Amino acid sequence: MIIFIRFLQWIFGFIFRLPPSAAIYLMQFAGEATYQIARLTKIKKTAARDLKLLFPKANTDLLADKLLKNISYSIFEILCTPFFEQTHLEKICGIKGLENLDLALSKRKGALILSMHTGNYELIPVALTGLGYRVNTVLRATPDPIFNLLNRSRSYKGIKLINILEANMYRESLKALGENEVICLAVDTGALEGRHEIFTFLEKKVPVATGWLTLAQRSEAPVVPAFSKREGKKAVITLGEPLTVYREDREKVMSKVGLFFENFIKNHPEQWAIFLNEYETKRMIGEK
């Protein structure tokens, strides 16, 4: 499988020598073809079943179908990321609330961007790097060949990767924040592997990672919640208002961040990739 994926990426390396519109068209054509195949497989049933756990009254077959379309397009966007120039990013990405990030960085303490696995979340650091921001991404990547391939895209134009399996996340993050850089991290998976608290989300008691709270408090870096949402063939990134964490208002900040994401997921459950992972979905709601 990894050989096939590398071959595909090699092919797209040539495709992206074409004019931007032509290259993007072929990339999205591949995404559409993958979606049409995927919706006929058991993956759709798995996603619908997982969606039903949190949204029992929703038309989960329709939501699962939309989720597969988003993921299919995202796969090829990630695969092609190493070949993107700003003209490509402008055609596939949109950003709302960029002034919120600028406001956070104006304090010269750096900024923590919190996201979930929604839309094409991988494009958040990529899009910001394309606009000239200095970006770091916190992740958990094993030596598996698929992560080596993913990290090529995640390292787009100098994005620094902070792998918690290889480096001290706090030390590396504090250093970057001290240089007024951006730290991007996802908060909706892996909570049980680190510091976490039980938090009510979508009417379920779920484990939520809290390392970012400690990092924000120690560094005094503003927290900027963000989500990516697929709108047609475009991934639109929304940056929320910056929040500063103090010792006495940790719970208040956590509640604001939780509400920011909860409102989004309630209205757009088809954007959350976690529903493709039955193990993570059940573990999140305490059924496994």
C-alpha atoms as a PDB file:
ATOM      1  CA  MET A   1       0.000   0.000   0.000  1.00  0.00           C
ATOM      2  CA  ILE A   2       2.736   2.471   0.947  1.00  0.00           C
ATOM      3  CA  ILE A   3       4.485   1.807  -2.372  1.00  0.00           C
ATOM      4  CA  PHE A   4       1.263   2.600  -4.240  1.00  0.00           C
ATOM      5  CA  ILE A   5       0.775   5.818  -2.268  1.00  0.00           C
ATOM      6  CA  ARG A   6       4.338   6.902  -2.989  1.00  0.00           C
ATOM      7  CA  PHE A   7       3.774   6.136  -6.661  1.00  0.00           C
ATOM      8  CA  LEU A   8       0.644   8.305  -6.636  1.00  0.00           C
ATOM      9  CA  GLN A   9       2.573  11.141  -5.016  1.00  0.00           C
ATOM     10  CA  TRP A  10       5.294  10.782  -7.660  1.00  0.00           C
ATOM     11  CA  ILE A  11       2.642  11.068 -10.400  1.00  0.00           C
ATOM     12  CA  PHE A  12       1.177  14.190  -8.811  1.00  0.00           C
ATOM     13  CA  GLY A  13       4.653  15.671  -8.679  1.00  0.00           C
ATOM     14  CA  PHE A  14       4.477  15.793 -12.476  1.00  0.00           C
ATOM     15  CA  ILE A  15       0.837  16.889 -12.530  1.00  0.00           C
ATOM     16  CA  PHE A  16       1.652  19.931 -10.416  1.00  0.00           C
ATOM     17  CA  ARG A  17       3.981  21.167 -13.125  1.00  0.00           C
ATOM     18  CA  LEU A  18       0.813  21.968 -15.062  1.00  0.00           C
ATOM     19  CA  PRO A  19      -0.971  25.318 -14.682  1.00  0.00           C
ATOM     20  CA  PRO A  20      -2.502  25.602 -11.169  1.00  0.00           C
ATOM     21  CA  SER A  21      -6.122  25.263 -12.329  1.00  0.00           C
ATOM     22  CA  ALA A  22      -5.361  22.090 -14.278  1.00  0.00           C
ATOM     23  CA  ALA A  23      -3.377  20.533 -11.415  1.00  0.00           C
ATOM     24  CA  ILE A  24      -6.105  21.292  -8.871  1.00  0.00           C
ATOM     25  CA  TYR A  25      -8.775  19.928 -11.205  1.00  0.00           C
ATOM     26  CA  LEU A  26      -6.949  16.590 -11.568  1.00  0.00           C
ATOM     27  CA  MET A  27      -6.301  16.400  -7.824  1.00  0.00           C
ATOM     28  CA  GLN A  28      -9.990  16.959  -7.065  1.00  0.00           C
ATOM     29  CA  PHE A  29     -11.016  14.526  -9.820  1.00  0.00           C
ATOM     30  CA  ALA A  30      -8.950  11.860  -8.028  1.00  0.00           C
ATOM     31  CA  GLY A  31     -10.664  12.794  -4.769  1.00  0.00           C
ATOM     32  CA  GLU A  32     -14.112  12.513  -6.349  1.00  0.00           C
ATOM     33  CA  ALA A  33     -13.292   9.124  -7.885  1.00  0.00           C
ATOM     34  CA  THR A  34     -12.048   7.841  -4.519  1.00  0.00           C
ATOM     35  CA  TYR A  35     -15.225   9.080  -2.829  1.00  0.00           C
ATOM     36  CA  GLN A  36     -17.483   7.315  -5.363  1.00  0.00           C
ATOM     37  CA  ILE A  37     -15.674   4.039  -4.643  1.00  0.00           C
ATOM     38  CA  ALA A  38     -15.484   4.481  -0.862  1.00  0.00           C
ATOM     39  CA  ARG A  39     -19.221   5.137  -0.485  1.00  0.00           C
ATOM     40  CA  LEU A  40     -19.893   1.637  -1.844  1.00  0.00           C
ATOM     41  CA  THR A  41     -17.748  -0.052   0.787  1.00  0.00           C
ATOM     42  CA  LYS A  42     -18.322  -1.020   4.426  1.00  0.00           C
ATOM     43  CA  ILE A  43     -16.462   2.133   5.481  1.00  0.00           C
ATOM     44  CA  LYS A  44     -19.669   4.076   4.992  1.00  0.00           C
ATOM     45  CA  LYS A  45     -21.603   1.697   7.256  1.00  0.00           C
ATOM     46  CA  THR A  46     -18.922   1.995   9.938  1.00  0.00           C
ATOM     47  CA  ALA A  47     -19.058   5.783   9.818  1.00  0.00           C
ATOM     48  CA  ALA A  48     -22.880   5.786   9.937  1.00  0.00           C
ATOM     49  CA  ARG A  49     -22.849   3.444  12.934  1.00  0.00           C
ATOM     50  CA  ASP A  50     -20.314   5.620  14.772  1.00  0.00           C
ATOM     51  CA  LEU A  51     -22.296   8.782  14.002  1.00  0.00           C
ATOM     52  CA  LYS A  52     -25.382   7.097  15.430  1.00  0.00           C
ATOM     53  CA  LEU A  53     -23.639   6.784  18.814  1.00  0.00           C
ATOM     54  CA  LEU A  54     -23.629  10.564  19.232  1.00  0.00           C
ATOM     55  CA  PHE A  55     -26.423  11.605  16.904  1.00  0.00           C
ATOM     56  CA  PRO A  56     -29.101   8.886  17.209  1.00  0.00           C
ATOM     57  CA  LYS A  57     -31.854  10.981  15.586  1.00  0.00           C
ATOM     58  CA  ALA A  58     -29.836  12.176  12.585  1.00  0.00           C
ATOM     59  CA  ASN A  59     -29.811  10.790   9.040  1.00  0.00           C
ATOM     60  CA  THR A  60     -26.446   9.149   9.639  1.00  0.00           C
ATOM     61  CA  ASP A  61     -26.296   7.509   6.197  1.00  0.00           C
ATOM     62  CA  LEU A  62     -26.336  10.953   4.591  1.00  0.00           C
ATOM     63  CA  LEU A  63     -23.844  12.323   7.110  1.00  0.00           C
ATOM     64  CA  ALA A  64     -21.519   9.358   6.531  1.00  0.00           C
ATOM     65  CA  ASP A  65     -21.684   9.950   2.793  1.00  0.00           C
ATOM     66  CA  LYS A  66     -20.671  13.594   3.230  1.00  0.00           C
ATOM     67  CA  LEU A  67     -17.900  12.580   5.616  1.00  0.00           C
ATOM     68  CA  LEU A  68     -16.443  10.176   3.062  1.00  0.00           C
ATOM     69  CA  LYS A  69     -16.463  12.905   0.423  1.00  0.00           C
ATOM     70  CA  ASN A  70     -14.587  15.284   2.706  1.00  0.00           C
ATOM     71  CA  ILE A  71     -12.004  12.645   3.625  1.00  0.00           C
ATOM     72  CA  SER A  72     -11.513  11.576   0.006  1.00  0.00           C
ATOM     73  CA  TYR A  73     -10.736  15.129  -1.085  1.00  0.00           C
ATOM     74  CA  SER A  74      -8.535  15.649   1.988  1.00  0.00           C
ATOM     75  CA  ILE A  75      -6.441  12.567   1.217  1.00  0.00           C
ATOM     76  CA  PHE A  76      -5.320  13.961  -2.120  1.00  0.00           C
ATOM     77  CA  GLU A  77      -4.803  17.453  -0.720  1.00  0.00           C
ATOM     78  CA  ILE A  78      -2.437  15.996   1.875  1.00  0.00           C
ATOM     79  CA  LEU A  79      -0.729  13.850  -0.751  1.00  0.00           C
ATOM     80  CA  CYS A  80      -0.149  16.894  -2.960  1.00  0.00           C
ATOM     81  CA  THR A  81       0.815  19.359  -0.225  1.00  0.00           C
ATOM     82  CA  PRO A  82       4.584  19.187  -0.954  1.00  0.00           C
ATOM     83  CA  PHE A  83       3.875  20.566  -4.439  1.00  0.00           C
ATOM     84  CA  PHE A  84       1.633  23.461  -3.401  1.00  0.00           C
ATOM     85  CA  GLU A  85       2.487  27.070  -4.114  1.00  0.00           C
ATOM     86  CA  GLN A  86       0.430  29.973  -2.840  1.00  0.00           C
ATOM     87  CA  THR A  87      -1.652  29.999  -6.037  1.00  0.00           C
ATOM     88  CA  HIS A  88      -2.730  26.416  -5.313  1.00  0.00           C
ATOM     89  CA  LEU A  89      -3.534  27.144  -1.674  1.00  0.00           C
ATOM     90  CA  GLU A  90      -5.704  30.105  -2.642  1.00  0.00           C
ATOM     91  CA  LYS A  91      -7.805  27.794  -4.820  1.00  0.00           C
ATOM     92  CA  ILE A  92      -8.389  25.118  -2.188  1.00  0.00           C
ATOM     93  CA  CYS A  93      -8.224  27.065   1.106  1.00  0.00           C
ATOM     94  CA  GLY A  94     -10.061  29.932   2.710  1.00  0.00           C
ATOM     95  CA  ILE A  95      -9.320  31.549   6.077  1.00  0.00           C
ATOM     96  CA  LYS A  96     -11.720  33.452   8.302  1.00  0.00           C
ATOM     97  CA  GLY A  97     -10.720  35.292  11.465  1.00  0.00           C
ATOM     98  CA  LEU A  98      -7.065  35.789  10.583  1.00  0.00           C
ATOM     99  CA  GLU A  99      -7.204  39.040  12.552  1.00  0.00           C
ATOM    100  CA  ASN A 100      -7.669  36.916  15.691  1.00  0.00           C
ATOM    101  CA  LEU A 101      -4.309  35.240  15.151  1.00  0.00           C
ATOM    102  CA  ASP A 102      -2.662  38.601  14.474  1.00  0.00           C
ATOM    103  CA  LEU A 103      -4.165  39.953  17.696  1.00  0.00           C
ATOM    104  CA  ALA A 104      -2.797  36.972  19.629  1.00  0.00           C
ATOM    105  CA  LEU A 105       0.686  37.376  18.147  1.00  0.00           C
ATOM    106  CA  SER A 106       0.708  41.110  18.845  1.00  0.00           C
ATOM    107  CA  LYS A 107       1.349  40.244  22.504  1.00  0.00           C
ATOM    108  CA  ARG A 108       4.709  38.728  21.459  1.00  0.00           C
ATOM    109  CA  LYS A 109       4.033  35.530  23.418  1.00  0.00           C
ATOM    110  CA  GLY A 110       3.325  33.303  20.441  1.00  0.00           C
ATOM    111  CA  ALA A 111      -0.046  31.614  19.882  1.00  0.00           C
ATOM    112  CA  LEU A 112      -1.529  28.166  20.487  1.00  0.00           C
ATOM    113  CA  ILE A 113      -3.948  27.088  17.762  1.00  0.00           C
ATOM    114  CA  LEU A 114      -6.241  24.314  18.972  1.00  0.00           C
ATOM    115  CA  SER A 115      -8.107  22.274  16.395  1.00  0.00           C
ATOM    116  CA  MET A 116     -10.024  19.047  15.979  1.00  0.00           C
ATOM    117  CA  HIS A 117      -9.851  16.471  13.200  1.00  0.00           C
ATOM    118  CA  THR A 118     -12.460  18.273  11.113  1.00  0.00           C
ATOM    119  CA  GLY A 119     -12.580  19.290   7.464  1.00  0.00           C
ATOM    120  CA  ASN A 120      -8.988  19.095   6.315  1.00  0.00           C
ATOM    121  CA  TYR A 121      -7.324  20.015   9.600  1.00  0.00           C
ATOM    122  CA  GLU A 122      -3.899  19.195   8.083  1.00  0.00           C
ATOM    123  CA  LEU A 123      -4.186  22.326   5.957  1.00  0.00           C
ATOM    124  CA  ILE A 124      -4.352  24.696   8.950  1.00  0.00           C
ATOM    125  CA  PRO A 125      -0.554  24.905   9.499  1.00  0.00           C
ATOM    126  CA  VAL A 126       0.050  24.664   5.749  1.00  0.00           C
ATOM    127  CA  ALA A 127      -2.240  27.601   4.923  1.00  0.00           C
ATOM    128  CA  LEU A 128      -0.744  29.749   7.687  1.00  0.00           C
ATOM    129  CA  THR A 129       2.797  28.935   6.560  1.00  0.00           C
ATOM    130  CA  GLY A 130       1.844  29.933   3.033  1.00  0.00           C
ATOM    131  CA  LEU A 131       0.877  33.341   4.405  1.00  0.00           C
ATOM    132  CA  GLY A 132       4.238  33.785   6.093  1.00  0.00           C
ATOM    133  CA  TYR A 133       3.521  32.716   9.690  1.00  0.00           C
ATOM    134  CA  ARG A 134       6.173  30.674  11.499  1.00  0.00           C
ATOM    135  CA  VAL A 135       4.400  27.468  12.424  1.00  0.00           C
ATOM    136  CA  ASN A 136       5.101  24.396  14.547  1.00  0.00           C
ATOM    137  CA  THR A 137       2.902  21.292  14.720  1.00  0.00           C
ATOM    138  CA  VAL A 138       2.657  19.007  17.741  1.00  0.00           C
ATOM    139  CA  LEU A 139       1.984  15.398  16.760  1.00  0.00           C
ATOM    140  CA  ARG A 140       2.467  11.785  17.736  1.00  0.00           C
ATOM    141  CA  ALA A 141       4.201   9.896  14.931  1.00  0.00           C
ATOM    142  CA  THR A 142       5.696   6.414  15.128  1.00  0.00           C
ATOM    143  CA  PRO A 143       8.435   5.238  12.686  1.00  0.00           C
ATOM    144  CA  ASP A 144       5.714   3.697  10.485  1.00  0.00           C
ATOM    145  CA  PRO A 145       6.365   4.485   6.772  1.00  0.00           C
ATOM    146  CA  ILE A 146       2.942   6.125   6.428  1.00  0.00           C
ATOM    147  CA  PHE A 147       3.944   8.731   9.011  1.00  0.00           C
ATOM    148  CA  ASN A 148       7.188   9.368   7.142  1.00  0.00           C
ATOM    149  CA  LEU A 149       5.111  10.149   4.066  1.00  0.00           C
ATOM    150  CA  LEU A 150       2.641  12.293   6.026  1.00  0.00           C
ATOM    151  CA  ASN A 151       5.449  14.197   7.686  1.00  0.00           C
ATOM    152  CA  ARG A 152       6.742  15.274   4.291  1.00  0.00           C
ATOM    153  CA  SER A 153       3.471  17.149   3.840  1.00  0.00           C
ATOM    154  CA  ARG A 154       3.329  18.302   7.446  1.00  0.00           C
ATOM    155  CA  SER A 155       6.812  19.831   7.085  1.00  0.00           C
ATOM    156  CA  TYR A 156       5.599  22.056   4.243  1.00  0.00           C
ATOM    157  CA  LYS A 157       8.021  24.939   3.643  1.00  0.00           C
ATOM    158  CA  GLY A 158       9.761  24.636   6.976  1.00  0.00           C
ATOM    159  CA  ILE A 159       6.925  23.798   9.385  1.00  0.00           C
ATOM    160  CA  LYS A 160       8.666  22.380  12.442  1.00  0.00           C
ATOM    161  CA  LEU A 161       7.277  19.087  13.708  1.00  0.00           C
ATOM    162  CA  ILE A 162       7.305  18.458  17.454  1.00  0.00           C
ATOM    163  CA  ASN A 163       6.895  14.690  17.797  1.00  0.00           C
ATOM    164  CA  ILE A 164       5.975  13.896  21.397  1.00  0.00           C
ATOM    165  CA  LEU A 165       7.558  10.441  20.978  1.00  0.00           C
ATOM    166  CA  GLU A 166      10.944  11.985  20.206  1.00  0.00           C
ATOM    167  CA  ALA A 167      11.070  15.379  21.920  1.00  0.00           C
ATOM    168  CA  ASN A 168       9.923  17.158  25.064  1.00  0.00           C
ATOM    169  CA  MET A 169       6.747  18.843  23.859  1.00  0.00           C
ATOM    170  CA  TYR A 170       6.726  21.485  26.584  1.00  0.00           C
ATOM    171  CA  ARG A 171      10.360  22.491  26.165  1.00  0.00           C
ATOM    172  CA  GLU A 172      10.164  22.699  22.373  1.00  0.00           C
ATOM    173  CA  SER A 173       6.826  24.508  22.439  1.00  0.00           C
ATOM    174  CA  LEU A 174       7.947  27.035  25.047  1.00  0.00           C
ATOM    175  CA  LYS A 175      11.011  27.791  22.935  1.00  0.00           C
ATOM    176  CA  ALA A 176       8.898  28.388  19.813  1.00  0.00           C
ATOM    177  CA  LEU A 177       6.334  30.481  21.676  1.00  0.00           C
ATOM    178  CA  GLY A 178       9.161  32.538  23.160  1.00  0.00           C
ATOM    179  CA  GLU A 179      10.114  33.429  19.590  1.00  0.00           C
ATOM    180  CA  ASN A 180       6.506  34.500  18.880  1.00  0.00           C
ATOM    181  CA  GLU A 181       5.779  31.497  16.683  1.00  0.00           C
ATOM    182  CA  VAL A 182       2.556  29.531  16.249  1.00  0.00           C
ATOM    183  CA  ILE A 183       1.956  26.084  17.761  1.00  0.00           C
ATOM    184  CA  CYS A 184      -0.774  23.934  16.177  1.00  0.00           C
ATOM    185  CA  LEU A 185      -2.183  20.908  17.966  1.00  0.00           C
ATOM    186  CA  ALA A 186      -5.310  18.751  17.833  1.00  0.00           C
ATOM    187  CA  VAL A 187      -7.167  18.146  21.092  1.00  0.00           C
ATOM    188  CA  ASP A 188      -9.761  15.494  20.243  1.00  0.00           C
ATOM    189  CA  THR A 189      -7.690  12.284  20.268  1.00  0.00           C
ATOM    190  CA  GLY A 190      -4.992  10.744  22.431  1.00  0.00           C
ATOM    191  CA  ALA A 191      -6.332  12.268  25.661  1.00  0.00           C
ATOM    192  CA  LEU A 192      -5.924   9.040  27.637  1.00  0.00           C
ATOM    193  CA  GLU A 193      -2.217   8.860  26.743  1.00  0.00           C
ATOM    194  CA  GLY A 194      -1.411  12.091  28.589  1.00  0.00           C
ATOM    195  CA  ARG A 195      -2.774  14.660  31.012  1.00  0.00           C
ATOM    196  CA  HIS A 196      -6.531  14.828  30.734  1.00  0.00           C
ATOM    197  CA  GLU A 197      -9.740  15.649  32.537  1.00  0.00           C
ATOM    198  CA  ILE A 198     -13.295  14.404  32.097  1.00  0.00           C
ATOM    199  CA  PHE A 199     -15.378  16.998  30.313  1.00  0.00           C
ATOM    200  CA  THR A 200     -18.998  17.059  29.138  1.00  0.00           C
ATOM    201  CA  PHE A 201     -19.080  17.179  25.336  1.00  0.00           C
ATOM    202  CA  LEU A 202     -22.145  16.444  23.212  1.00  0.00           C
ATOM    203  CA  GLU A 203     -23.877  15.288  26.399  1.00  0.00           C
ATOM    204  CA  LYS A 204     -21.192  12.640  26.999  1.00  0.00           C
ATOM    205  CA  LYS A 205     -18.502  12.493  29.650  1.00  0.00           C
ATOM    206  CA  VAL A 206     -15.330  12.365  27.557  1.00  0.00           C
ATOM    207  CA  PRO A 207     -11.598  12.503  28.372  1.00  0.00           C
ATOM    208  CA  VAL A 208     -10.050  15.751  27.134  1.00  0.00           C
ATOM    209  CA  ALA A 209      -6.335  16.481  26.910  1.00  0.00           C
ATOM    210  CA  THR A 210      -5.301  19.390  29.132  1.00  0.00           C
ATOM    211  CA  GLY A 211      -1.586  19.722  28.407  1.00  0.00           C
ATOM    212  CA  TRP A 212      -2.332  22.766  26.261  1.00  0.00           C
ATOM    213  CA  LEU A 213      -3.854  24.530  29.270  1.00  0.00           C
ATOM    214  CA  THR A 214      -0.653  24.131  31.265  1.00  0.00           C
ATOM    215  CA  LEU A 215       1.415  25.225  28.273  1.00  0.00           C
ATOM    216  CA  ALA A 216      -0.755  28.302  27.708  1.00  0.00           C
ATOM    217  CA  GLN A 217      -0.602  29.255  31.377  1.00  0.00           C
ATOM    218  CA  ARG A 218       3.173  28.854  31.638  1.00  0.00           C
ATOM    219  CA  SER A 219       3.939  30.678  28.387  1.00  0.00           C
ATOM    220  CA  GLU A 220       1.147  33.273  28.628  1.00  0.00           C
ATOM    221  CA  ALA A 221       0.525  32.570  24.948  1.00  0.00           C
ATOM    222  CA  PRO A 222      -3.061  33.258  23.819  1.00  0.00           C
ATOM    223  CA  VAL A 223      -5.131  30.237  22.803  1.00  0.00           C
ATOM    224  CA  VAL A 224      -6.853  30.459  19.418  1.00  0.00           C
ATOM    225  CA  PRO A 225      -9.476  27.726  18.825  1.00  0.00           C
ATOM    226  CA  ALA A 226      -9.866  26.829  15.163  1.00  0.00           C
ATOM    227  CA  PHE A 227     -11.711  24.439  12.887  1.00  0.00           C
ATOM    228  CA  SER A 228     -11.549  23.449   9.248  1.00  0.00           C
ATOM    229  CA  LYS A 229     -14.777  22.911   7.338  1.00  0.00           C
ATOM    230  CA  ARG A 230     -15.248  21.517   3.844  1.00  0.00           C
ATOM    231  CA  GLU A 231     -17.370  23.920   1.818  1.00  0.00           C
ATOM    232  CA  GLY A 232     -17.839  22.399  -1.597  1.00  0.00           C
ATOM    233  CA  LYS A 233     -14.328  21.663  -2.867  1.00  0.00           C
ATOM    234  CA  LYS A 234     -12.690  24.189  -0.583  1.00  0.00           C
ATOM    235  CA  ALA A 235     -11.384  23.767   2.974  1.00  0.00           C
ATOM    236  CA  VAL A 236     -12.352  26.864   4.961  1.00  0.00           C
ATOM    237  CA  ILE A 237     -10.427  27.514   8.175  1.00  0.00           C
ATOM    238  CA  THR A 238     -12.047  29.576  10.933  1.00  0.00           C
ATOM    239  CA  LEU A 239      -9.945  31.076  13.723  1.00  0.00           C
ATOM    240  CA  GLY A 240     -11.782  32.003  16.911  1.00  0.00           C
ATOM    241  CA  GLU A 241     -11.132  34.818  19.351  1.00  0.00           C
ATOM    242  CA  PRO A 242      -7.899  34.478  21.374  1.00  0.00           C
ATOM    243  CA  LEU A 243      -8.164  33.429  25.017  1.00  0.00           C
ATOM    244  CA  THR A 244      -5.571  33.911  27.744  1.00  0.00           C
ATOM    245  CA  VAL A 245      -5.244  31.255  30.441  1.00  0.00           C
ATOM    246  CA  TYR A 246      -4.670  32.298  34.043  1.00  0.00           C
ATOM    247  CA  ARG A 247      -4.523  30.017  37.064  1.00  0.00           C
ATOM    248  CA  GLU A 248      -7.913  31.154  38.325  1.00  0.00           C
ATOM    249  CA  ASP A 249      -9.827  30.776  35.040  1.00  0.00           C
ATOM    250  CA  ARG A 250      -8.572  27.489  33.569  1.00  0.00           C
ATOM    251  CA  GLU A 251     -12.048  25.943  33.781  1.00  0.00           C
ATOM    252  CA  LYS A 252     -13.628  29.010  32.196  1.00  0.00           C
ATOM    253  CA  VAL A 253     -11.251  28.890  29.233  1.00  0.00           C
ATOM    254  CA  MET A 254     -11.774  25.155  28.848  1.00  0.00           C
ATOM    255  CA  SER A 255     -15.540  25.679  28.814  1.00  0.00           C
ATOM    256  CA  LYS A 256     -15.250  28.379  26.124  1.00  0.00           C
ATOM    257  CA  VAL A 257     -13.044  26.179  23.964  1.00  0.00           C
ATOM    258  CA  GLY A 258     -15.362  23.208  24.485  1.00  0.00           C
ATOM    259  CA  LEU A 259     -18.406  25.263  23.514  1.00  0.00           C
ATOM    260  CA  PHE A 260     -16.622  26.570  20.406  1.00  0.00           C
ATOM    261  CA  PHE A 261     -16.036  23.032  19.151  1.00  0.00           C
ATOM    262  CA  GLU A 262     -19.310  21.582  20.424  1.00  0.00           C
ATOM    263  CA  ASN A 263     -21.390  24.127  18.515  1.00  0.00           C
ATOM    264  CA  PHE A 264     -19.466  23.324  15.351  1.00  0.00           C
ATOM    265  CA  ILE A 265     -19.796  19.547  15.687  1.00  0.00           C
ATOM    266  CA  LYS A 266     -23.507  19.761  16.531  1.00  0.00           C
ATOM    267  CA  ASN A 267     -24.115  21.651  13.298  1.00  0.00           C
ATOM    268  CA  HIS A 268     -21.588  19.794  11.134  1.00  0.00           C
ATOM    269  CA  PRO A 269     -21.011  16.249  12.454  1.00  0.00           C
ATOM    270  CA  GLU A 270     -20.128  15.106   8.934  1.00  0.00           C
ATOM    271  CA  GLN A 271     -16.918  17.135   9.200  1.00  0.00           C
ATOM    272  CA  TRP A 272     -15.453  15.129  12.111  1.00  0.00           C
ATOM    273  CA  ALA A 273     -13.079  12.422  10.896  1.00  0.00           C
ATOM    274  CA  ILE A 274     -13.185  10.574  14.221  1.00  0.00           C
ATOM    275  CA  PHE A 275     -16.347   8.798  13.026  1.00  0.00           C
ATOM    276  CA  LEU A 276     -14.217   6.787  10.601  1.00  0.00           C
ATOM    277  CA  ASN A 277     -12.415   5.254  13.577  1.00  0.00           C
ATOM    278  CA  GLU A 278     -14.752   2.984  15.532  1.00  0.00           C
ATOM    279  CA  TYR A 279     -12.182   2.370  18.268  1.00  0.00           C
ATOM    280  CA  GLU A 280     -11.576   6.089  18.931  1.00  0.00           C
ATOM    281  CA  THR A 281     -15.299   6.906  18.778  1.00  0.00           C
ATOM    282  CA  LYS A 282     -16.231   4.259  21.342  1.00  0.00           C
ATOM    283  CA  ARG A 283     -13.279   5.054  23.550  1.00  0.00           C
ATOM    284  CA  MET A 284     -14.189   8.744  23.495  1.00  0.00           C
ATOM    285  CA  ILE A 285     -17.662   8.055  24.875  1.00  0.00           C
ATOM    286  CA  GLY A 286     -16.505   5.377  27.305  1.00  0.00           C
ATOM    287  CA  GLU A 287     -17.862   2.301  25.540  1.00  0.00           C
ATOM    288  CA  LYS A 288     -14.461   0.689  25.021  1.00  0.00           C
END
